[in-house]
Protein backbone atom coordinates (compact mmCIF):
# COMPACT_ATOMS: atom_id res chain seq x y z
CA UNK A 1 0.00 0.00 0.00
CA UNK A 2 1.34 3.41 -0.88
CA UNK A 3 1.64 6.13 1.71
CA UNK A 4 -0.52 9.16 1.04
CA UNK A 5 -0.28 12.61 2.52
CA UNK A 6 -2.43 15.70 2.22
CA UNK A 7 -1.24 19.28 2.32
CA UNK A 8 -3.85 20.12 4.96
CA UNK A 9 -2.67 17.24 7.17
CA UNK A 10 0.97 18.25 6.92
CA UNK A 11 0.41 21.85 7.90
CA UNK A 12 -0.27 20.60 11.43
CA UNK A 13 3.30 19.26 11.71
CA UNK A 14 4.98 22.63 11.99
CA UNK A 15 5.13 26.04 10.45
CA UNK A 16 7.76 24.75 8.03
CA UNK A 17 7.60 21.19 6.72
CA UNK A 18 10.38 19.77 4.58
CA UNK A 19 10.03 17.39 1.63
CA UNK A 20 12.29 14.35 1.18
CA UNK A 21 13.64 13.07 -2.15
CA UNK A 22 10.57 10.82 -2.56
CA UNK A 23 8.16 13.73 -2.07
CA UNK A 24 7.05 12.96 1.50
CA UNK A 25 6.60 15.81 3.98
CA UNK A 26 8.29 15.66 7.37
CA UNK A 27 9.39 17.72 10.34
CA UNK A 28 13.13 17.59 11.07
CA UNK A 29 14.18 17.29 14.72
CA UNK A 30 17.90 16.84 15.16
CA UNK A 31 19.01 13.82 13.15
CA UNK A 32 15.56 12.23 12.84
CA UNK A 33 12.32 13.05 11.05
CA UNK A 34 8.64 12.87 11.90
CA UNK A 35 6.25 11.94 9.09
CA UNK A 36 2.46 11.62 9.11
CA UNK A 37 0.16 10.06 6.54
CA UNK A 38 -2.06 7.19 5.51
CA UNK A 39 -0.76 3.71 4.72
CA UNK A 40 2.05 1.48 5.95
CA UNK A 41 5.46 3.19 5.64
CA UNK A 42 7.40 -0.11 5.30
CA UNK A 43 9.39 -0.33 2.06
CA UNK A 44 7.97 3.08 1.07
CA UNK A 45 9.57 5.85 3.14
CA UNK A 46 13.35 5.94 3.54
CA UNK A 47 14.31 7.80 6.71
CA UNK A 48 17.11 8.14 9.27
CA UNK A 49 17.29 5.64 12.15
CA UNK A 50 14.86 6.60 14.93
CA UNK A 51 12.54 8.61 12.70
CA UNK A 52 8.82 8.48 13.52
CA UNK A 53 5.74 8.01 11.35
CA UNK A 54 2.20 8.65 12.57
CA UNK A 55 -0.36 6.62 10.61
CA UNK A 56 -3.81 8.16 10.74
CA UNK A 57 -5.94 5.94 8.47
CA UNK A 58 -6.53 2.90 10.70
CA UNK A 59 -9.37 4.20 12.87
CA UNK A 60 -6.83 4.65 15.65
CA UNK A 61 -3.51 6.45 15.35
CA UNK A 62 -0.49 4.13 15.01
CA UNK A 63 3.06 5.21 15.71
CA UNK A 64 5.98 3.60 13.84
CA UNK A 65 9.73 3.97 14.38
CA UNK A 66 12.41 3.48 11.72
CA UNK A 67 14.73 0.68 12.84
CA UNK A 68 17.34 0.46 10.07
CA UNK A 69 18.01 3.94 8.64
CA UNK A 70 16.28 2.78 5.46
CA UNK A 71 12.72 1.53 4.82
CA UNK A 72 12.05 -0.76 7.81
CA UNK A 73 9.43 0.57 10.25
CA UNK A 74 8.13 -1.10 13.43
CA UNK A 75 4.89 -0.30 15.27
CA UNK A 76 5.72 1.14 18.69
CA UNK A 77 4.22 -0.74 21.64
CA UNK A 78 1.00 -2.74 21.69
CA UNK A 79 -1.33 -0.72 19.50
CA UNK A 80 -4.61 -2.01 18.12
């Protein structure tokens, strides 16, 4: 499943959102990034180790963390 983002949804991240080389918006905090969108980020978004992704299309918000400084993301904690 592809990750989708909306301009309206990304404006809530910060006053200034950056765009990565794949066209995904994020907020930079130190060496890691925080993304938000719809869809599973695995094998889709490449990000620095420790970056976060908030998935908002599952009926309940899910938080993922990047665990390999590439495209592997793991759901944080026991989320339903």
